[in-house]
Amino acid sequence: MKFQKGSIFKPDKDYYKIAGMLLVIGGIMYVLAINIGESLFPGYSVATNSLSDIGGMLPLIQPAANIFNSVNIILGLLIISSAYLIIKSGGCRLFSACLTIFGFCIGALGVFPEYTHLTHVVFATIAFFSGSFALIFSYRLGINIPMTILGIILGLIALITILSPLIFGIGPNNPLDVFGKGGAERLIIYPIIMYLTALGGYLSARGKDWVRIRFTNGYW
């Protein structure tokens, strides 16, 4: 049996499989909704349009806006529910906190679409950061090495993309400028959503490689 600070395995309260399925359902639903929204949005460009344009560009493009905003709310609820079940099962509080904040902000983006301006930007920024940190801290769940490496790499890709305007500036000096506003945004949200979907599959189909954790002092 391996030991790792961050989680405590509770065999009498094991809700990891349910939590995992919620993440899988949410991730698949979100990607499908984005594709549907883009197809219903005349002239939509992956490079020049942000994801938020689907649900909040005035005048609203229907039914794309309703689909996108509704899915954000549902995804947020699924993520928060998953985080609750993970921590109830003894999962790392730090990871669960980041995941909860991410889920709350994703849901809030559906309530406060792009046309709400500053409110939307604040929730989007917090969602991007909290989602990135959730990926990086997912190793504290006691997952196997391949999933740990994948989470750290994808989390860093999202985090570096978020910080790139501060590091390289805005404009042609930024190497990510070649992807456009929409492309750069997808380098943030797609790694987060895809990894959480993969993590959900891992949790819902736990095999012999699952690391069962015992309590150790300072598990936070």
C-alpha atoms as a PDB file:
ATOM      1  CA  MET A   1       0.000   0.000   0.000  1.00  0.00           C
ATOM      2  CA  LYS A   2       1.321   3.424  -0.967  1.00  0.00           C
ATOM      3  CA  PHE A   3       1.103   6.497   1.188  1.00  0.00           C
ATOM      4  CA  GLN A   4       0.517  10.016  -0.018  1.00  0.00           C
ATOM      5  CA  LYS A   5      -0.422  13.210   1.748  1.00  0.00           C
ATOM      6  CA  GLY A   6      -3.568  14.776   0.440  1.00  0.00           C
ATOM      7  CA  SER A   7      -6.226  12.057   0.577  1.00  0.00           C
ATOM      8  CA  ILE A   8      -7.627   9.417   2.873  1.00  0.00           C
ATOM      9  CA  PHE A   9      -9.343   6.351   1.461  1.00  0.00           C
ATOM     10  CA  LYS A  10     -12.746   5.688   3.049  1.00  0.00           C
ATOM     11  CA  PRO A  11     -13.994   2.265   1.925  1.00  0.00           C
ATOM     12  CA  ASP A  12     -17.321   2.864   3.651  1.00  0.00           C
ATOM     13  CA  LYS A  13     -17.803   6.143   1.764  1.00  0.00           C
ATOM     14  CA  ASP A  14     -16.460   5.437  -1.701  1.00  0.00           C
ATOM     15  CA  TYR A  15     -18.229   7.705  -4.187  1.00  0.00           C
ATOM     16  CA  TYR A  16     -15.340   8.028  -6.635  1.00  0.00           C
ATOM     17  CA  LYS A  17     -17.122   6.080  -9.381  1.00  0.00           C
ATOM     18  CA  ILE A  18     -20.175   8.330  -9.265  1.00  0.00           C
ATOM     19  CA  ALA A  19     -17.965  11.430  -9.142  1.00  0.00           C
ATOM     20  CA  GLY A  20     -16.050  10.141 -12.148  1.00  0.00           C
ATOM     21  CA  MET A  21     -19.174   9.540 -14.204  1.00  0.00           C
ATOM     22  CA  LEU A  22     -20.363  13.083 -13.514  1.00  0.00           C
ATOM     23  CA  LEU A  23     -17.086  14.432 -14.898  1.00  0.00           C
ATOM     24  CA  VAL A  24     -17.318  12.193 -17.970  1.00  0.00           C
ATOM     25  CA  ILE A  25     -20.914  13.224 -18.688  1.00  0.00           C
ATOM     26  CA  GLY A  26     -20.106  16.896 -18.175  1.00  0.00           C
ATOM     27  CA  GLY A  27     -17.019  16.840 -20.384  1.00  0.00           C
ATOM     28  CA  ILE A  28     -18.687  15.029 -23.283  1.00  0.00           C
ATOM     29  CA  MET A  29     -21.758  17.248 -23.040  1.00  0.00           C
ATOM     30  CA  TYR A  30     -19.645  20.424 -23.039  1.00  0.00           C
ATOM     31  CA  VAL A  31     -17.611  19.511 -26.127  1.00  0.00           C
ATOM     32  CA  LEU A  32     -20.727  18.482 -28.058  1.00  0.00           C
ATOM     33  CA  ALA A  33     -22.490  21.717 -27.073  1.00  0.00           C
ATOM     34  CA  ILE A  34     -19.557  23.806 -28.284  1.00  0.00           C
ATOM     35  CA  ASN A  35     -19.582  22.060 -31.651  1.00  0.00           C
ATOM     36  CA  ILE A  36     -23.328  22.494 -31.986  1.00  0.00           C
ATOM     37  CA  GLY A  37     -23.089  26.147 -30.951  1.00  0.00           C
ATOM     38  CA  GLU A  38     -20.329  26.858 -33.476  1.00  0.00           C
ATOM     39  CA  SER A  39     -22.301  25.195 -36.273  1.00  0.00           C
ATOM     40  CA  LEU A  40     -25.380  27.328 -35.468  1.00  0.00           C
ATOM     41  CA  PHE A  41     -23.378  30.581 -35.328  1.00  0.00           C
ATOM     42  CA  PRO A  42     -23.122  32.130 -38.845  1.00  0.00           C
ATOM     43  CA  GLY A  43     -19.560  33.079 -39.753  1.00  0.00           C
ATOM     44  CA  TYR A  44     -18.090  31.743 -36.523  1.00  0.00           C
ATOM     45  CA  SER A  45     -14.273  31.612 -36.538  1.00  0.00           C
ATOM     46  CA  VAL A  46     -12.319  29.421 -34.130  1.00  0.00           C
ATOM     47  CA  ALA A  47      -9.402  31.874 -34.390  1.00  0.00           C
ATOM     48  CA  THR A  48     -11.127  35.240 -34.033  1.00  0.00           C
ATOM     49  CA  ASN A  49     -14.198  34.348 -31.956  1.00  0.00           C
ATOM     50  CA  SER A  50     -14.030  33.322 -28.320  1.00  0.00           C
ATOM     51  CA  LEU A  51     -16.137  30.532 -26.892  1.00  0.00           C
ATOM     52  CA  SER A  52     -18.082  33.129 -24.929  1.00  0.00           C
ATOM     53  CA  ASP A  53     -19.149  34.778 -28.192  1.00  0.00           C
ATOM     54  CA  ILE A  54     -21.468  31.802 -28.755  1.00  0.00           C
ATOM     55  CA  GLY A  55     -23.504  32.615 -25.667  1.00  0.00           C
ATOM     56  CA  GLY A  56     -23.067  36.336 -25.237  1.00  0.00           C
ATOM     57  CA  MET A  57     -22.407  38.258 -28.452  1.00  0.00           C
ATOM     58  CA  LEU A  58     -25.145  40.843 -29.021  1.00  0.00           C
ATOM     59  CA  PRO A  59     -27.483  40.427 -30.742  1.00  0.00           C
ATOM     60  CA  LEU A  60     -27.741  36.916 -29.363  1.00  0.00           C
ATOM     61  CA  ILE A  61     -27.555  34.137 -31.925  1.00  0.00           C
ATOM     62  CA  GLN A  62     -30.274  31.644 -31.070  1.00  0.00           C
ATOM     63  CA  PRO A  63     -30.521  28.771 -30.330  1.00  0.00           C
ATOM     64  CA  ALA A  64     -26.712  28.716 -30.029  1.00  0.00           C
ATOM     65  CA  ALA A  65     -26.695  31.151 -27.073  1.00  0.00           C
ATOM     66  CA  ASN A  66     -29.275  29.229 -25.051  1.00  0.00           C
ATOM     67  CA  ILE A  67     -27.511  25.928 -25.705  1.00  0.00           C
ATOM     68  CA  PHE A  68     -24.091  27.243 -24.697  1.00  0.00           C
ATOM     69  CA  ASN A  69     -25.237  29.107 -21.581  1.00  0.00           C
ATOM     70  CA  SER A  70     -27.423  26.229 -20.399  1.00  0.00           C
ATOM     71  CA  VAL A  71     -24.604  23.730 -20.823  1.00  0.00           C
ATOM     72  CA  ASN A  72     -22.265  25.964 -18.815  1.00  0.00           C
ATOM     73  CA  ILE A  73     -24.724  25.982 -15.932  1.00  0.00           C
ATOM     74  CA  ILE A  74     -25.265  22.217 -16.094  1.00  0.00           C
ATOM     75  CA  LEU A  75     -21.522  21.537 -16.372  1.00  0.00           C
ATOM     76  CA  GLY A  76     -20.872  23.741 -13.359  1.00  0.00           C
ATOM     77  CA  LEU A  77     -23.408  21.811 -11.282  1.00  0.00           C
ATOM     78  CA  LEU A  78     -21.948  18.458 -12.361  1.00  0.00           C
ATOM     79  CA  ILE A  79     -18.410  19.549 -11.494  1.00  0.00           C
ATOM     80  CA  ILE A  80     -19.434  20.893  -8.082  1.00  0.00           C
ATOM     81  CA  SER A  81     -21.330  17.658  -7.360  1.00  0.00           C
ATOM     82  CA  SER A  82     -18.290  15.618  -8.404  1.00  0.00           C
ATOM     83  CA  ALA A  83     -15.992  17.673  -6.180  1.00  0.00           C
ATOM     84  CA  TYR A  84     -18.365  17.142  -3.242  1.00  0.00           C
ATOM     85  CA  LEU A  85     -18.394  13.373  -3.764  1.00  0.00           C
ATOM     86  CA  ILE A  86     -14.601  13.283  -4.107  1.00  0.00           C
ATOM     87  CA  ILE A  87     -14.009  15.086  -0.835  1.00  0.00           C
ATOM     88  CA  LYS A  88     -16.769  13.041   0.846  1.00  0.00           C
ATOM     89  CA  SER A  89     -14.829   9.948  -0.206  1.00  0.00           C
ATOM     90  CA  GLY A  90     -11.672  11.317   1.409  1.00  0.00           C
ATOM     91  CA  GLY A  91     -10.196  13.050  -1.622  1.00  0.00           C
ATOM     92  CA  CYS A  92      -7.678  15.874  -1.307  1.00  0.00           C
ATOM     93  CA  ARG A  93      -9.242  19.091  -0.058  1.00  0.00           C
ATOM     94  CA  LEU A  94      -6.911  21.282  -2.098  1.00  0.00           C
ATOM     95  CA  PHE A  95      -7.840  19.586  -5.372  1.00  0.00           C
ATOM     96  CA  SER A  96     -11.534  19.543  -4.433  1.00  0.00           C
ATOM     97  CA  ALA A  97     -11.458  23.251  -3.555  1.00  0.00           C
ATOM     98  CA  CYS A  98      -9.926  24.163  -6.923  1.00  0.00           C
ATOM     99  CA  LEU A  99     -12.433  21.932  -8.719  1.00  0.00           C
ATOM    100  CA  THR A 100     -15.357  23.459  -6.812  1.00  0.00           C
ATOM    101  CA  ILE A 101     -14.263  27.013  -7.633  1.00  0.00           C
ATOM    102  CA  PHE A 102     -13.836  26.024 -11.283  1.00  0.00           C
ATOM    103  CA  GLY A 103     -17.298  24.460 -11.396  1.00  0.00           C
ATOM    104  CA  PHE A 104     -18.909  27.459  -9.702  1.00  0.00           C
ATOM    105  CA  CYS A 105     -17.303  29.914 -12.118  1.00  0.00           C
ATOM    106  CA  ILE A 106     -18.173  27.819 -15.183  1.00  0.00           C
ATOM    107  CA  GLY A 107     -21.793  27.792 -14.028  1.00  0.00           C
ATOM    108  CA  ALA A 108     -21.654  31.537 -13.400  1.00  0.00           C
ATOM    109  CA  LEU A 109     -20.499  32.111 -16.990  1.00  0.00           C
ATOM    110  CA  GLY A 110     -23.830  30.689 -18.121  1.00  0.00           C
ATOM    111  CA  VAL A 111     -25.692  33.113 -15.861  1.00  0.00           C
ATOM    112  CA  PHE A 112     -23.475  36.091 -16.750  1.00  0.00           C
ATOM    113  CA  PRO A 113     -22.740  35.777 -20.490  1.00  0.00           C
ATOM    114  CA  GLU A 114     -20.205  37.843 -22.383  1.00  0.00           C
ATOM    115  CA  TYR A 115     -22.455  40.912 -22.661  1.00  0.00           C
ATOM    116  CA  THR A 116     -22.212  41.396 -18.879  1.00  0.00           C
ATOM    117  CA  HIS A 117     -18.598  42.456 -19.561  1.00  0.00           C
ATOM    118  CA  LEU A 118     -16.572  42.817 -16.327  1.00  0.00           C
ATOM    119  CA  THR A 119     -18.602  40.267 -14.361  1.00  0.00           C
ATOM    120  CA  HIS A 120     -18.099  37.707 -17.109  1.00  0.00           C
ATOM    121  CA  VAL A 121     -14.377  38.450 -17.387  1.00  0.00           C
ATOM    122  CA  VAL A 122     -13.864  38.039 -13.635  1.00  0.00           C
ATOM    123  CA  PHE A 123     -15.603  34.663 -13.521  1.00  0.00           C
ATOM    124  CA  ALA A 124     -13.781  33.495 -16.668  1.00  0.00           C
ATOM    125  CA  THR A 125     -10.391  34.474 -15.248  1.00  0.00           C
ATOM    126  CA  ILE A 126     -11.024  32.713 -11.941  1.00  0.00           C
ATOM    127  CA  ALA A 127     -12.311  29.653 -13.821  1.00  0.00           C
ATOM    128  CA  PHE A 128      -9.166  29.467 -15.948  1.00  0.00           C
ATOM    129  CA  PHE A 129      -6.814  29.725 -12.976  1.00  0.00           C
ATOM    130  CA  SER A 130      -8.741  27.368 -10.687  1.00  0.00           C
ATOM    131  CA  GLY A 131      -9.140  24.798 -13.465  1.00  0.00           C
ATOM    132  CA  SER A 132      -5.408  24.884 -14.216  1.00  0.00           C
ATOM    133  CA  PHE A 133      -4.515  24.404 -10.556  1.00  0.00           C
ATOM    134  CA  ALA A 134      -7.056  21.586 -10.223  1.00  0.00           C
ATOM    135  CA  LEU A 135      -5.184  19.694 -12.945  1.00  0.00           C
ATOM    136  CA  ILE A 136      -1.803  20.319 -11.350  1.00  0.00           C
ATOM    137  CA  PHE A 137      -3.020  19.262  -7.890  1.00  0.00           C
ATOM    138  CA  SER A 138      -4.909  16.190  -9.138  1.00  0.00           C
ATOM    139  CA  TYR A 139      -1.858  14.064  -8.272  1.00  0.00           C
ATOM    140  CA  ARG A 140      -2.871  14.433  -4.638  1.00  0.00           C
ATOM    141  CA  LEU A 141      -5.761  12.071  -5.295  1.00  0.00           C
ATOM    142  CA  GLY A 142      -3.224   9.265  -5.424  1.00  0.00           C
ATOM    143  CA  ILE A 143      -3.695   8.605  -9.142  1.00  0.00           C
ATOM    144  CA  ASN A 144      -1.095   6.655 -11.119  1.00  0.00           C
ATOM    145  CA  ILE A 145       2.042   8.144 -12.658  1.00  0.00           C
ATOM    146  CA  PRO A 146       0.780   8.488 -16.267  1.00  0.00           C
ATOM    147  CA  MET A 147      -2.324  10.392 -15.129  1.00  0.00           C
ATOM    148  CA  THR A 148      -0.188  12.518 -12.822  1.00  0.00           C
ATOM    149  CA  ILE A 149       2.176  13.494 -15.630  1.00  0.00           C
ATOM    150  CA  LEU A 150      -0.712  14.199 -17.989  1.00  0.00           C
ATOM    151  CA  GLY A 151      -2.450  16.393 -15.415  1.00  0.00           C
ATOM    152  CA  ILE A 152       0.676  18.442 -14.704  1.00  0.00           C
ATOM    153  CA  ILE A 153       1.501  18.918 -18.405  1.00  0.00           C
ATOM    154  CA  LEU A 154      -2.035  19.959 -19.389  1.00  0.00           C
ATOM    155  CA  GLY A 155      -2.364  22.149 -16.300  1.00  0.00           C
ATOM    156  CA  LEU A 156       0.870  23.946 -17.158  1.00  0.00           C
ATOM    157  CA  ILE A 157      -0.192  24.410 -20.788  1.00  0.00           C
ATOM    158  CA  ALA A 158      -3.385  26.108 -19.604  1.00  0.00           C
ATOM    159  CA  LEU A 159      -1.582  28.160 -16.945  1.00  0.00           C
ATOM    160  CA  ILE A 160       1.204  29.344 -19.269  1.00  0.00           C
ATOM    161  CA  THR A 161      -1.383  30.346 -21.858  1.00  0.00           C
ATOM    162  CA  ILE A 162      -3.237  32.395 -19.241  1.00  0.00           C
ATOM    163  CA  LEU A 163      -0.033  34.135 -18.172  1.00  0.00           C
ATOM    164  CA  SER A 164       1.383  34.583 -21.689  1.00  0.00           C
ATOM    165  CA  PRO A 165       0.115  38.194 -22.069  1.00  0.00           C
ATOM    166  CA  LEU A 166       1.989  39.104 -18.875  1.00  0.00           C
ATOM    167  CA  ILE A 167       5.111  37.200 -19.936  1.00  0.00           C
ATOM    168  CA  PHE A 168       5.278  38.074 -23.648  1.00  0.00           C
ATOM    169  CA  GLY A 169       2.890  40.990 -23.929  1.00  0.00           C
ATOM    170  CA  ILE A 170      -0.087  41.407 -26.232  1.00  0.00           C
ATOM    171  CA  GLY A 171       0.488  41.407 -29.980  1.00  0.00           C
ATOM    172  CA  PRO A 172       2.939  39.855 -32.444  1.00  0.00           C
ATOM    173  CA  ASN A 173       5.628  39.433 -29.785  1.00  0.00           C
ATOM    174  CA  ASN A 174       3.445  36.851 -28.092  1.00  0.00           C
ATOM    175  CA  PRO A 175       4.126  33.446 -29.726  1.00  0.00           C
ATOM    176  CA  LEU A 176       0.526  32.397 -28.992  1.00  0.00           C
ATOM    177  CA  ASP A 177      -0.799  35.318 -31.024  1.00  0.00           C
ATOM    178  CA  VAL A 178      -0.631  33.091 -34.098  1.00  0.00           C
ATOM    179  CA  PHE A 179      -3.608  31.104 -32.747  1.00  0.00           C
ATOM    180  CA  GLY A 180      -5.816  34.171 -32.431  1.00  0.00           C
ATOM    181  CA  LYS A 181      -8.022  35.040 -29.465  1.00  0.00           C
ATOM    182  CA  GLY A 182     -10.233  32.004 -29.883  1.00  0.00           C
ATOM    183  CA  GLY A 183      -7.370  29.588 -30.459  1.00  0.00           C
ATOM    184  CA  ALA A 184      -5.489  30.779 -27.374  1.00  0.00           C
ATOM    185  CA  GLU A 185      -8.627  30.464 -25.244  1.00  0.00           C
ATOM    186  CA  ARG A 186      -9.021  26.875 -26.400  1.00  0.00           C
ATOM    187  CA  LEU A 187      -5.459  26.151 -25.227  1.00  0.00           C
ATOM    188  CA  ILE A 188      -6.789  26.970 -21.755  1.00  0.00           C
ATOM    189  CA  ILE A 189     -10.240  25.449 -21.547  1.00  0.00           C
ATOM    190  CA  TYR A 190      -9.788  22.351 -23.717  1.00  0.00           C
ATOM    191  CA  PRO A 191      -6.871  20.880 -21.721  1.00  0.00           C
ATOM    192  CA  ILE A 192      -8.875  21.409 -18.522  1.00  0.00           C
ATOM    193  CA  ILE A 193     -12.091  19.861 -19.820  1.00  0.00           C
ATOM    194  CA  MET A 194     -10.359  16.974 -21.610  1.00  0.00           C
ATOM    195  CA  TYR A 195      -8.272  16.053 -18.590  1.00  0.00           C
ATOM    196  CA  LEU A 196     -11.226  16.209 -16.202  1.00  0.00           C
ATOM    197  CA  THR A 197     -13.107  13.919 -18.603  1.00  0.00           C
ATOM    198  CA  ALA A 198     -10.162  11.501 -18.641  1.00  0.00           C
ATOM    199  CA  LEU A 199      -9.879  11.716 -14.852  1.00  0.00           C
ATOM    200  CA  GLY A 200     -13.579  10.959 -14.615  1.00  0.00           C
ATOM    201  CA  GLY A 201     -13.062   7.818 -16.660  1.00  0.00           C
ATOM    202  CA  TYR A 202     -10.157   6.847 -14.422  1.00  0.00           C
ATOM    203  CA  LEU A 203     -12.187   7.317 -11.249  1.00  0.00           C
ATOM    204  CA  SER A 204     -15.255   5.534 -12.600  1.00  0.00           C
ATOM    205  CA  ALA A 205     -13.260   2.468 -13.702  1.00  0.00           C
ATOM    206  CA  ARG A 206     -10.726   2.093 -10.931  1.00  0.00           C
ATOM    207  CA  GLY A 207      -8.480  -0.920 -11.423  1.00  0.00           C
ATOM    208  CA  LYS A 208      -5.704  -2.536  -9.433  1.00  0.00           C
ATOM    209  CA  ASP A 209      -3.489   0.477 -10.048  1.00  0.00           C
ATOM    210  CA  TRP A 210      -5.710   2.629  -7.796  1.00  0.00           C
ATOM    211  CA  VAL A 211      -3.676   3.971  -4.912  1.00  0.00           C
ATOM    212  CA  ARG A 212      -5.511   3.594  -1.628  1.00  0.00           C
ATOM    213  CA  ILE A 213      -4.508   6.321   0.744  1.00  0.00           C
ATOM    214  CA  ARG A 214      -4.305   6.391   4.505  1.00  0.00           C
ATOM    215  CA  PHE A 215      -4.509   9.428   6.710  1.00  0.00           C
ATOM    216  CA  THR A 216      -1.215  11.172   7.479  1.00  0.00           C
ATOM    217  CA  ASN A 217      -0.684  14.286   9.537  1.00  0.00           C
ATOM    218  CA  GLY A 218      -0.814  17.481   7.537  1.00  0.00           C
ATOM    219  CA  TYR A 219      -2.854  15.950   4.708  1.00  0.00           C
ATOM    220  CA  TRP A 220      -3.981  19.369   3.546  1.00  0.00           C
END
